[in-house]
Amino acid sequence: MKIILIGYMGSGKSVVGKGLSEELDLPFYDLDQEIVAREGLDIPSIFKEKGEIGFRKIEMQVLTELLERDESYVLSLGGGTPCYGNSMEVIKHTNDARSIYLKASLKTLLGRLWEEREFRPLIAHLDSQELLEDFLRKHLFERQFYYNQSDLVVEVNEKDVEEIIDQVKDLLHEHRAISSL
């Protein structure tokens, strides 16, 4: 089974993905890291050289290649990946893939991202919590449609990583049992 983690930046996709892969003894892939390895450039450099459209084409190629692999793994997508092109359609039509939306509230994201904004190019320029909140509110509104197409949704607010991993494992177990009926 391919476990695809979806959600906004700061929702915990990478941390939960790594922990989940360890607990399930599966490889972990981060889509952005796979793109960087393939292109030999960091994400900001790819955007600078090829523009967002060029980046999104590469992103879709790498995602498709990963989904075509004949192996089980945990994959963390970039926050914008599900919102471009037909990414969600491709994921949903991959028979052995289960998409999981790690859903974080605006309050949770604001708390997490304010402290680490300097490490996040998309929000590094926002110099007040009010500006960050407005930015997040707009993005979450735009992206909810795509995120909510996931097979499963896990609320991550006020939970530690282990609780989230346990909930994901429980939902996957239930989902497999339901889909085998």
N, C-alpha and C. Protein backbone atom coordinates (compact mmCIF):
# COMPACT_ATOMS: atom_id res chain seq x y z
N MET A 1 0.83 -1.18 0.00
CA MET A 1 0.00 0.00 0.00
C MET A 1 0.88 1.25 0.00
N LYS A 2 0.46 2.22 -0.76
CA LYS A 2 1.12 3.52 -0.80
C LYS A 2 0.30 4.47 0.08
N ILE A 3 0.92 5.00 1.11
CA ILE A 3 0.25 5.92 2.02
C ILE A 3 0.71 7.32 1.67
N ILE A 4 -0.22 8.15 1.20
CA ILE A 4 0.08 9.49 0.72
C ILE A 4 -0.42 10.51 1.72
N LEU A 5 0.49 11.27 2.32
CA LEU A 5 0.11 12.28 3.31
C LEU A 5 -0.03 13.64 2.63
N ILE A 6 -1.18 14.26 2.88
CA ILE A 6 -1.57 15.52 2.26
C ILE A 6 -1.89 16.51 3.37
N GLY A 7 -1.60 17.76 3.13
CA GLY A 7 -1.97 18.80 4.10
C GLY A 7 -1.14 20.05 3.89
N TYR A 8 -1.53 21.08 4.59
CA TYR A 8 -0.86 22.37 4.47
C TYR A 8 0.51 22.31 5.16
N MET A 9 1.41 23.21 4.78
CA MET A 9 2.71 23.25 5.45
C MET A 9 2.47 23.45 6.94
N GLY A 10 3.25 22.73 7.72
CA GLY A 10 3.11 22.81 9.17
C GLY A 10 2.11 21.83 9.75
N SER A 11 1.46 21.04 8.89
CA SER A 11 0.47 20.08 9.39
C SER A 11 1.12 18.82 9.96
N GLY A 12 2.41 18.63 9.68
CA GLY A 12 3.12 17.48 10.24
C GLY A 12 3.36 16.34 9.26
N LYS A 13 3.22 16.59 7.98
CA LYS A 13 3.36 15.52 6.98
C LYS A 13 4.71 14.81 7.07
N SER A 14 5.78 15.57 7.15
CA SER A 14 7.11 14.95 7.17
C SER A 14 7.38 14.21 8.48
N VAL A 15 7.06 14.83 9.59
CA VAL A 15 7.31 14.21 10.90
C VAL A 15 6.45 12.96 11.07
N VAL A 16 5.17 13.09 10.75
CA VAL A 16 4.27 11.94 10.86
C VAL A 16 4.67 10.87 9.85
N GLY A 17 5.02 11.28 8.63
CA GLY A 17 5.42 10.33 7.60
C GLY A 17 6.63 9.51 8.01
N LYS A 18 7.64 10.16 8.55
CA LYS A 18 8.84 9.44 8.99
C LYS A 18 8.50 8.46 10.11
N GLY A 19 7.73 8.92 11.09
CA GLY A 19 7.34 8.04 12.20
C GLY A 19 6.49 6.87 11.76
N LEU A 20 5.55 7.15 10.87
CA LEU A 20 4.67 6.10 10.35
C LEU A 20 5.47 5.07 9.55
N SER A 21 6.41 5.55 8.75
CA SER A 21 7.22 4.62 7.95
C SER A 21 8.06 3.72 8.86
N GLU A 22 8.57 4.28 9.95
CA GLU A 22 9.34 3.46 10.90
C GLU A 22 8.46 2.41 11.55
N GLU A 23 7.28 2.83 12.01
CA GLU A 23 6.38 1.89 12.69
C GLU A 23 5.88 0.79 11.77
N LEU A 24 5.67 1.12 10.50
CA LEU A 24 5.16 0.13 9.54
C LEU A 24 6.29 -0.56 8.77
N ASP A 25 7.52 -0.17 9.05
CA ASP A 25 8.70 -0.71 8.38
C ASP A 25 8.59 -0.56 6.86
N LEU A 26 8.27 0.67 6.45
CA LEU A 26 8.15 1.01 5.03
C LEU A 26 9.10 2.15 4.71
N PRO A 27 9.54 2.25 3.47
CA PRO A 27 10.36 3.40 3.08
C PRO A 27 9.53 4.69 3.18
N PHE A 28 10.23 5.80 3.45
CA PHE A 28 9.59 7.11 3.49
C PHE A 28 10.17 7.97 2.37
N TYR A 29 9.29 8.62 1.63
CA TYR A 29 9.70 9.56 0.59
C TYR A 29 9.03 10.90 0.84
N ASP A 30 9.79 11.95 0.63
CA ASP A 30 9.26 13.31 0.67
C ASP A 30 9.32 13.81 -0.77
N LEU A 31 8.18 14.19 -1.33
CA LEU A 31 8.13 14.55 -2.75
C LEU A 31 9.10 15.68 -3.07
N ASP A 32 9.17 16.69 -2.23
CA ASP A 32 10.10 17.79 -2.50
C ASP A 32 11.54 17.30 -2.52
N GLN A 33 11.90 16.41 -1.60
CA GLN A 33 13.27 15.88 -1.57
C GLN A 33 13.56 15.04 -2.81
N GLU A 34 12.57 14.31 -3.28
CA GLU A 34 12.73 13.51 -4.49
C GLU A 34 12.95 14.42 -5.70
N ILE A 35 12.24 15.55 -5.74
CA ILE A 35 12.40 16.51 -6.83
C ILE A 35 13.80 17.12 -6.78
N VAL A 36 14.25 17.51 -5.60
CA VAL A 36 15.58 18.09 -5.43
C VAL A 36 16.65 17.10 -5.89
N ALA A 37 16.52 15.84 -5.49
CA ALA A 37 17.49 14.81 -5.88
C ALA A 37 17.52 14.63 -7.39
N ARG A 38 16.37 14.64 -8.00
CA ARG A 38 16.27 14.44 -9.45
C ARG A 38 16.85 15.62 -10.22
N GLU A 39 16.53 16.83 -9.78
CA GLU A 39 16.92 18.04 -10.51
C GLU A 39 18.31 18.56 -10.14
N GLY A 40 18.81 18.16 -8.98
CA GLY A 40 20.10 18.67 -8.53
C GLY A 40 20.05 20.14 -8.12
N LEU A 41 18.86 20.63 -7.83
CA LEU A 41 18.66 22.02 -7.41
C LEU A 41 17.67 22.04 -6.26
N ASP A 42 17.79 23.03 -5.37
CA ASP A 42 16.78 23.16 -4.33
C ASP A 42 15.50 23.75 -4.93
N ILE A 43 14.42 23.67 -4.19
CA ILE A 43 13.12 24.09 -4.70
C ILE A 43 13.11 25.57 -5.11
N PRO A 44 13.64 26.49 -4.28
CA PRO A 44 13.64 27.90 -4.73
C PRO A 44 14.40 28.10 -6.05
N SER A 45 15.49 27.37 -6.25
CA SER A 45 16.26 27.48 -7.50
C SER A 45 15.47 26.95 -8.69
N ILE A 46 14.72 25.87 -8.48
CA ILE A 46 13.89 25.34 -9.56
C ILE A 46 12.83 26.37 -9.94
N PHE A 47 12.20 26.97 -8.94
CA PHE A 47 11.20 28.01 -9.21
C PHE A 47 11.83 29.17 -9.97
N LYS A 48 13.03 29.56 -9.56
CA LYS A 48 13.70 30.70 -10.20
C LYS A 48 14.05 30.39 -11.65
N GLU A 49 14.58 29.18 -11.89
CA GLU A 49 15.03 28.81 -13.24
C GLU A 49 13.89 28.43 -14.18
N LYS A 50 12.88 27.71 -13.64
CA LYS A 50 11.86 27.14 -14.51
C LYS A 50 10.47 27.72 -14.28
N GLY A 51 10.34 28.57 -13.25
CA GLY A 51 9.04 29.13 -12.93
C GLY A 51 8.15 28.11 -12.24
N GLU A 52 7.01 28.60 -11.76
CA GLU A 52 6.11 27.69 -11.05
C GLU A 52 5.54 26.62 -11.98
N ILE A 53 5.23 26.98 -13.20
CA ILE A 53 4.68 25.98 -14.14
C ILE A 53 5.71 24.88 -14.41
N GLY A 54 6.96 25.27 -14.61
CA GLY A 54 8.02 24.29 -14.81
C GLY A 54 8.18 23.38 -13.60
N PHE A 55 8.13 23.99 -12.41
CA PHE A 55 8.23 23.21 -11.18
C PHE A 55 7.08 22.22 -11.08
N ARG A 56 5.86 22.68 -11.37
CA ARG A 56 4.68 21.82 -11.24
C ARG A 56 4.72 20.65 -12.24
N LYS A 57 5.29 20.88 -13.41
CA LYS A 57 5.44 19.78 -14.38
C LYS A 57 6.39 18.72 -13.83
N ILE A 58 7.52 19.17 -13.29
CA ILE A 58 8.49 18.25 -12.69
C ILE A 58 7.85 17.51 -11.53
N GLU A 59 7.14 18.24 -10.69
CA GLU A 59 6.47 17.67 -9.52
C GLU A 59 5.51 16.55 -9.95
N MET A 60 4.73 16.79 -10.99
CA MET A 60 3.77 15.81 -11.48
C MET A 60 4.49 14.58 -12.04
N GLN A 61 5.61 14.79 -12.76
CA GLN A 61 6.38 13.66 -13.29
C GLN A 61 6.91 12.79 -12.17
N VAL A 62 7.49 13.43 -11.14
CA VAL A 62 8.07 12.67 -10.03
C VAL A 62 6.97 11.96 -9.25
N LEU A 63 5.84 12.63 -9.02
CA LEU A 63 4.71 12.00 -8.33
C LEU A 63 4.23 10.78 -9.10
N THR A 64 4.05 10.91 -10.39
CA THR A 64 3.58 9.81 -11.23
C THR A 64 4.56 8.64 -11.18
N GLU A 65 5.85 8.93 -11.27
CA GLU A 65 6.86 7.87 -11.20
C GLU A 65 6.79 7.14 -9.86
N LEU A 66 6.62 7.89 -8.78
CA LEU A 66 6.52 7.26 -7.46
C LEU A 66 5.27 6.39 -7.37
N LEU A 67 4.16 6.89 -7.87
CA LEU A 67 2.91 6.13 -7.80
C LEU A 67 2.95 4.87 -8.64
N GLU A 68 3.77 4.86 -9.68
CA GLU A 68 3.89 3.68 -10.54
C GLU A 68 4.81 2.61 -9.97
N ARG A 69 5.57 2.94 -8.95
CA ARG A 69 6.47 1.95 -8.35
C ARG A 69 5.67 0.79 -7.76
N ASP A 70 6.25 -0.37 -7.87
CA ASP A 70 5.61 -1.57 -7.34
C ASP A 70 6.16 -1.86 -5.95
N GLU A 71 5.88 -0.96 -5.03
CA GLU A 71 6.32 -1.13 -3.65
C GLU A 71 5.38 -0.37 -2.74
N SER A 72 5.41 -0.73 -1.49
CA SER A 72 4.66 -0.01 -0.47
C SER A 72 5.58 1.02 0.16
N TYR A 73 5.02 2.17 0.51
CA TYR A 73 5.81 3.23 1.13
C TYR A 73 4.88 4.29 1.72
N VAL A 74 5.50 5.25 2.42
CA VAL A 74 4.82 6.43 2.92
C VAL A 74 5.40 7.61 2.15
N LEU A 75 4.52 8.46 1.61
CA LEU A 75 4.94 9.61 0.81
C LEU A 75 4.31 10.89 1.35
N SER A 76 5.14 11.87 1.61
CA SER A 76 4.68 13.19 2.04
C SER A 76 4.69 14.11 0.83
N LEU A 77 3.54 14.69 0.51
CA LEU A 77 3.46 15.63 -0.61
C LEU A 77 3.75 17.05 -0.14
N GLY A 78 4.09 17.91 -1.08
CA GLY A 78 4.17 19.33 -0.77
C GLY A 78 2.77 19.85 -0.53
N GLY A 79 2.64 20.92 0.23
CA GLY A 79 1.33 21.46 0.55
C GLY A 79 0.50 21.84 -0.66
N GLY A 80 1.15 22.27 -1.74
CA GLY A 80 0.42 22.67 -2.94
C GLY A 80 0.21 21.58 -3.96
N THR A 81 0.89 20.45 -3.80
CA THR A 81 0.83 19.38 -4.80
C THR A 81 -0.59 18.97 -5.19
N PRO A 82 -1.47 18.72 -4.20
CA PRO A 82 -2.82 18.25 -4.58
C PRO A 82 -3.64 19.28 -5.35
N CYS A 83 -3.21 20.53 -5.35
CA CYS A 83 -4.01 21.62 -5.90
C CYS A 83 -3.68 21.95 -7.35
N TYR A 84 -2.71 21.29 -7.92
CA TYR A 84 -2.27 21.63 -9.27
C TYR A 84 -2.48 20.47 -10.23
N GLY A 85 -2.85 20.83 -11.46
CA GLY A 85 -3.04 19.81 -12.48
C GLY A 85 -4.07 18.80 -12.04
N ASN A 86 -3.79 17.55 -12.35
CA ASN A 86 -4.71 16.48 -11.98
C ASN A 86 -4.09 15.57 -10.92
N SER A 87 -3.30 16.14 -10.03
CA SER A 87 -2.60 15.35 -9.01
C SER A 87 -3.54 14.49 -8.18
N MET A 88 -4.62 15.09 -7.67
CA MET A 88 -5.54 14.32 -6.82
C MET A 88 -6.23 13.21 -7.62
N GLU A 89 -6.54 13.49 -8.86
CA GLU A 89 -7.16 12.47 -9.71
C GLU A 89 -6.21 11.29 -9.90
N VAL A 90 -4.95 11.59 -10.15
CA VAL A 90 -3.95 10.53 -10.34
C VAL A 90 -3.81 9.71 -9.06
N ILE A 91 -3.75 10.38 -7.93
CA ILE A 91 -3.63 9.68 -6.64
C ILE A 91 -4.86 8.80 -6.41
N LYS A 92 -6.04 9.36 -6.62
CA LYS A 92 -7.28 8.62 -6.37
C LYS A 92 -7.44 7.42 -7.30
N HIS A 93 -6.83 7.46 -8.48
CA HIS A 93 -6.94 6.35 -9.43
C HIS A 93 -5.77 5.37 -9.33
N THR A 94 -4.93 5.54 -8.33
CA THR A 94 -3.87 4.57 -8.06
C THR A 94 -4.45 3.56 -7.08
N ASN A 95 -4.68 2.34 -7.55
CA ASN A 95 -5.42 1.34 -6.77
C ASN A 95 -4.87 1.06 -5.38
N ASP A 96 -3.56 1.02 -5.25
CA ASP A 96 -2.98 0.65 -3.96
C ASP A 96 -2.55 1.88 -3.15
N ALA A 97 -3.11 3.05 -3.45
CA ALA A 97 -2.77 4.28 -2.72
C ALA A 97 -3.93 4.70 -1.83
N ARG A 98 -3.59 5.17 -0.64
CA ARG A 98 -4.57 5.75 0.29
C ARG A 98 -4.06 7.13 0.65
N SER A 99 -4.87 8.14 0.36
CA SER A 99 -4.48 9.51 0.69
C SER A 99 -5.07 9.88 2.04
N ILE A 100 -4.25 10.54 2.84
CA ILE A 100 -4.65 10.94 4.19
C ILE A 100 -4.37 12.43 4.36
N TYR A 101 -5.41 13.16 4.64
CA TYR A 101 -5.31 14.60 4.86
C TYR A 101 -5.05 14.84 6.34
N LEU A 102 -3.87 15.37 6.65
CA LEU A 102 -3.55 15.78 8.02
C LEU A 102 -4.09 17.20 8.18
N LYS A 103 -5.24 17.29 8.80
CA LYS A 103 -5.99 18.54 8.88
C LYS A 103 -5.64 19.30 10.16
N ALA A 104 -5.08 20.48 9.97
CA ALA A 104 -4.71 21.35 11.09
C ALA A 104 -5.54 22.62 11.01
N SER A 105 -5.99 23.09 12.16
CA SER A 105 -6.77 24.33 12.20
C SER A 105 -5.88 25.53 11.92
N LEU A 106 -6.50 26.63 11.60
CA LEU A 106 -5.79 27.88 11.40
C LEU A 106 -4.96 28.23 12.64
N LYS A 107 -5.55 28.06 13.81
CA LYS A 107 -4.85 28.36 15.07
C LYS A 107 -3.60 27.49 15.23
N THR A 108 -3.73 26.21 14.95
CA THR A 108 -2.59 25.29 15.06
C THR A 108 -1.49 25.68 14.08
N LEU A 109 -1.87 25.92 12.83
CA LEU A 109 -0.88 26.29 11.81
C LEU A 109 -0.20 27.61 12.15
N LEU A 110 -0.96 28.57 12.61
CA LEU A 110 -0.39 29.86 12.98
C LEU A 110 0.65 29.69 14.09
N GLY A 111 0.32 28.89 15.09
CA GLY A 111 1.26 28.64 16.19
C GLY A 111 2.53 27.96 15.73
N ARG A 112 2.40 26.99 14.85
CA ARG A 112 3.58 26.25 14.37
C ARG A 112 4.41 27.08 13.39
N LEU A 113 3.75 27.75 12.46
CA LEU A 113 4.46 28.42 11.37
C LEU A 113 5.06 29.76 11.76
N TRP A 114 4.49 30.44 12.73
CA TRP A 114 5.04 31.74 13.12
C TRP A 114 6.49 31.59 13.57
N GLU A 115 6.76 30.57 14.35
CA GLU A 115 8.10 30.37 14.90
C GLU A 115 9.10 29.89 13.86
N GLU A 116 8.62 29.24 12.81
CA GLU A 116 9.56 28.68 11.83
C GLU A 116 9.45 29.35 10.46
N ARG A 117 8.82 30.51 10.40
CA ARG A 117 8.57 31.15 9.10
C ARG A 117 9.84 31.49 8.34
N GLU A 118 10.93 31.78 9.05
CA GLU A 118 12.18 32.12 8.36
C GLU A 118 12.72 30.95 7.55
N PHE A 119 12.31 29.74 7.88
CA PHE A 119 12.76 28.55 7.16
C PHE A 119 11.77 28.13 6.06
N ARG A 120 10.72 28.91 5.89
CA ARG A 120 9.67 28.61 4.93
C ARG A 120 9.58 29.77 3.93
N PRO A 121 10.18 29.63 2.76
CA PRO A 121 10.26 30.74 1.80
C PRO A 121 8.91 31.38 1.46
N LEU A 122 7.86 30.57 1.44
CA LEU A 122 6.55 31.09 1.07
C LEU A 122 6.02 32.13 2.06
N ILE A 123 6.45 32.03 3.32
CA ILE A 123 5.92 32.94 4.35
C ILE A 123 6.99 33.75 5.07
N ALA A 124 8.23 33.61 4.67
CA ALA A 124 9.34 34.28 5.36
C ALA A 124 9.19 35.79 5.38
N HIS A 125 8.55 36.35 4.37
CA HIS A 125 8.41 37.80 4.24
C HIS A 125 7.31 38.38 5.13
N LEU A 126 6.49 37.53 5.73
CA LEU A 126 5.37 38.01 6.54
C LEU A 126 5.87 38.37 7.93
N ASP A 127 5.78 39.65 8.28
CA ASP A 127 6.43 40.11 9.51
C ASP A 127 5.48 40.39 10.67
N SER A 128 4.24 39.95 10.56
CA SER A 128 3.34 40.05 11.71
C SER A 128 2.43 38.82 11.71
N GLN A 129 1.96 38.48 12.90
CA GLN A 129 1.06 37.33 12.99
C GLN A 129 -0.24 37.60 12.25
N GLU A 130 -0.65 38.84 12.21
CA GLU A 130 -1.88 39.19 11.48
C GLU A 130 -1.73 38.91 9.98
N LEU A 131 -0.58 39.30 9.42
CA LEU A 131 -0.33 39.03 7.99
C LEU A 131 -0.26 37.53 7.72
N LEU A 132 0.41 36.81 8.62
CA LEU A 132 0.50 35.36 8.46
C LEU A 132 -0.89 34.73 8.54
N GLU A 133 -1.69 35.17 9.49
CA GLU A 133 -3.04 34.62 9.64
C GLU A 133 -3.87 34.87 8.38
N ASP A 134 -3.80 36.07 7.82
CA ASP A 134 -4.54 36.37 6.60
C ASP A 134 -4.08 35.48 5.44
N PHE A 135 -2.76 35.33 5.34
CA PHE A 135 -2.19 34.48 4.29
C PHE A 135 -2.69 33.04 4.42
N LEU A 136 -2.60 32.49 5.64
CA LEU A 136 -3.02 31.12 5.88
C LEU A 136 -4.51 30.94 5.63
N ARG A 137 -5.31 31.88 6.09
CA ARG A 137 -6.76 31.80 5.91
C ARG A 137 -7.11 31.70 4.42
N LYS A 138 -6.47 32.54 3.60
CA LYS A 138 -6.72 32.55 2.16
C LYS A 138 -6.29 31.22 1.52
N HIS A 139 -5.08 30.78 1.86
CA HIS A 139 -4.57 29.53 1.28
C HIS A 139 -5.42 28.32 1.68
N LEU A 140 -5.77 28.26 2.96
CA LEU A 140 -6.58 27.12 3.42
C LEU A 140 -7.93 27.10 2.71
N PHE A 141 -8.53 28.25 2.54
CA PHE A 141 -9.80 28.33 1.83
C PHE A 141 -9.65 27.80 0.41
N GLU A 142 -8.59 28.22 -0.28
CA GLU A 142 -8.37 27.80 -1.66
C GLU A 142 -8.06 26.31 -1.78
N ARG A 143 -7.39 25.75 -0.79
CA ARG A 143 -6.91 24.37 -0.89
C ARG A 143 -7.83 23.32 -0.30
N GLN A 144 -8.80 23.74 0.52
CA GLN A 144 -9.69 22.77 1.18
C GLN A 144 -10.37 21.84 0.20
N PHE A 145 -10.80 22.37 -0.93
CA PHE A 145 -11.49 21.56 -1.93
C PHE A 145 -10.64 20.35 -2.32
N TYR A 146 -9.37 20.56 -2.53
CA TYR A 146 -8.46 19.49 -2.95
C TYR A 146 -8.13 18.56 -1.79
N TYR A 147 -7.77 19.15 -0.66
CA TYR A 147 -7.41 18.34 0.50
C TYR A 147 -8.56 17.41 0.91
N ASN A 148 -9.79 17.92 0.84
CA ASN A 148 -10.94 17.14 1.28
C ASN A 148 -11.30 15.99 0.33
N GLN A 149 -10.62 15.86 -0.78
CA GLN A 149 -10.82 14.71 -1.67
C GLN A 149 -10.03 13.49 -1.19
N SER A 150 -9.25 13.65 -0.14
CA SER A 150 -8.46 12.54 0.40
C SER A 150 -9.37 11.41 0.86
N ASP A 151 -8.82 10.21 0.86
CA ASP A 151 -9.58 9.04 1.32
C ASP A 151 -9.92 9.14 2.80
N LEU A 152 -8.98 9.65 3.58
CA LEU A 152 -9.15 9.72 5.02
C LEU A 152 -8.71 11.10 5.52
N VAL A 153 -9.30 11.52 6.63
CA VAL A 153 -8.94 12.80 7.24
C VAL A 153 -8.59 12.56 8.70
N VAL A 154 -7.45 13.11 9.12
CA VAL A 154 -7.01 13.01 10.51
C VAL A 154 -6.81 14.43 11.04
N GLU A 155 -7.56 14.76 12.08
CA GLU A 155 -7.39 16.06 12.75
C GLU A 155 -6.12 15.98 13.59
N VAL A 156 -5.22 16.95 13.42
CA VAL A 156 -3.94 16.90 14.12
C VAL A 156 -3.84 17.89 15.28
N ASN A 157 -4.85 18.71 15.47
CA ASN A 157 -4.82 19.73 16.50
C ASN A 157 -4.65 19.12 17.89
N GLU A 158 -3.76 19.69 18.68
CA GLU A 158 -3.54 19.32 20.07
C GLU A 158 -3.23 17.83 20.26
N LYS A 159 -2.60 17.22 19.25
CA LYS A 159 -2.17 15.83 19.36
C LYS A 159 -0.68 15.77 19.15
N ASP A 160 -0.03 14.83 19.85
CA ASP A 160 1.39 14.64 19.59
C ASP A 160 1.55 13.67 18.42
N VAL A 161 2.77 13.54 17.95
CA VAL A 161 3.05 12.74 16.75
C VAL A 161 2.59 11.30 16.92
N GLU A 162 2.84 10.71 18.08
CA GLU A 162 2.45 9.31 18.31
C GLU A 162 0.93 9.13 18.23
N GLU A 163 0.18 10.07 18.79
CA GLU A 163 -1.28 9.99 18.72
C GLU A 163 -1.76 10.04 17.27
N ILE A 164 -1.14 10.91 16.49
CA ILE A 164 -1.52 11.04 15.07
C ILE A 164 -1.19 9.76 14.32
N ILE A 165 0.01 9.23 14.56
CA ILE A 165 0.42 7.98 13.90
C ILE A 165 -0.54 6.85 14.26
N ASP A 166 -0.89 6.75 15.53
CA ASP A 166 -1.82 5.69 15.96
C ASP A 166 -3.18 5.86 15.28
N GLN A 167 -3.65 7.10 15.18
CA GLN A 167 -4.94 7.33 14.53
C GLN A 167 -4.88 6.98 13.04
N VAL A 168 -3.78 7.33 12.38
CA VAL A 168 -3.61 6.98 10.97
C VAL A 168 -3.63 5.47 10.80
N LYS A 169 -2.88 4.76 11.65
CA LYS A 169 -2.84 3.30 11.55
C LYS A 169 -4.23 2.69 11.78
N ASP A 170 -4.95 3.20 12.77
CA ASP A 170 -6.31 2.70 13.03
C ASP A 170 -7.22 2.93 11.83
N LEU A 171 -7.18 4.12 11.25
CA LEU A 171 -8.02 4.43 10.10
C LEU A 171 -7.65 3.58 8.89
N LEU A 172 -6.37 3.36 8.68
CA LEU A 172 -5.94 2.51 7.57
C LEU A 172 -6.45 1.08 7.75
N HIS A 173 -6.37 0.61 8.98
CA HIS A 173 -6.86 -0.75 9.28
C HIS A 173 -8.36 -0.83 9.01
N GLU A 174 -9.11 0.15 9.49
CA GLU A 174 -10.57 0.18 9.27
C GLU A 174 -10.87 0.29 7.77
N HIS A 175 -10.13 1.12 7.08
CA HIS A 175 -10.36 1.35 5.65
C HIS A 175 -10.11 0.08 4.86
N ARG A 176 -9.07 -0.64 5.20
CA ARG A 176 -8.78 -1.91 4.51
C ARG A 176 -9.91 -2.91 4.77
N ALA A 177 -10.37 -2.97 6.03
CA ALA A 177 -11.43 -3.91 6.38
C ALA A 177 -12.71 -3.56 5.61
N ILE A 178 -13.01 -2.29 5.51
CA ILE A 178 -14.22 -1.86 4.81
C ILE A 178 -14.09 -2.15 3.32
N SER A 179 -12.93 -1.84 2.74
CA SER A 179 -12.79 -2.02 1.29
C SER A 179 -12.66 -3.49 0.89
N SER A 180 -12.42 -4.38 1.84
CA SER A 180 -12.32 -5.79 1.47
C SER A 180 -13.69 -6.49 1.56
N LEU A 181 -14.71 -5.78 2.04
CA LEU A 181 -16.06 -6.37 2.14
C LEU A 181 -16.72 -6.50 0.79
